[in-house]
Amino acid sequence: MSLIKTNARSASALDATILTGNLPAISGSSLTGVSAGKVLQFVRNTSTSEITNTSTSSTVDGVPTANFTPTSASSKIYLQWNIHVRTNVVQGSIDGSIQYEIFRDSTLLFTSSSVINYISAGFSGHTRQPFIFNYLDTPNTTSQVTYKYKFKNPHNTTTIYVGGGGSATHTLTIWEIEG
């Protein structure tokens, strides 16, 4: 058994910087009273498809989506999409904004404000930018649900491309967190 010595500077508190000697390894396995926050499931879906939208009023389904079955009705579900958004730029400038909505089955969970992707360029061609968005859901079920998002350009009819025609991989990562 190792000996731990302290040089107490105060009778009311122990300052960890004054510990000397061999300290024991610390493991969370013996913690008690901790019943939330553990990762119960981890799922990652990918897609290389490309989806386009030119409408300012109608949304289209984005990729990827995922079917997911929570193991507990009290779980929190953390969703993270990592997608690539691109527009065609004609020399000058373009407003390639994107607005997205997140759904669990047919239930609208969240509508974003317009995420602006204003581009001023001295060239013509495609621009591609990574775009990450997250949502924390509490579905209160152990039945399978489908998570997806829809998107549009709320400002003008500039074509928004989500995807890369096979050259970019998009991900939806889901963590089920014990509630």
Foldseek 3Di string as FASTA:
>chain_A
DWDKDFDDPDPPDGDPVRIDTDDDDDDPPPDPPDQWFDWPDKDKDKDQDKDKFQDLPDWDWDDDKDKDFDPALAWKKKKKKKWKKKFWDDAAKDWQWKWKWKDWANDTDDTGDIDTDIDHDRHTGMDIDIDMDMDIDRRSHRDIIMITMIMHHNPGRGMMMIHDRRPDMMMMMMTIIGD
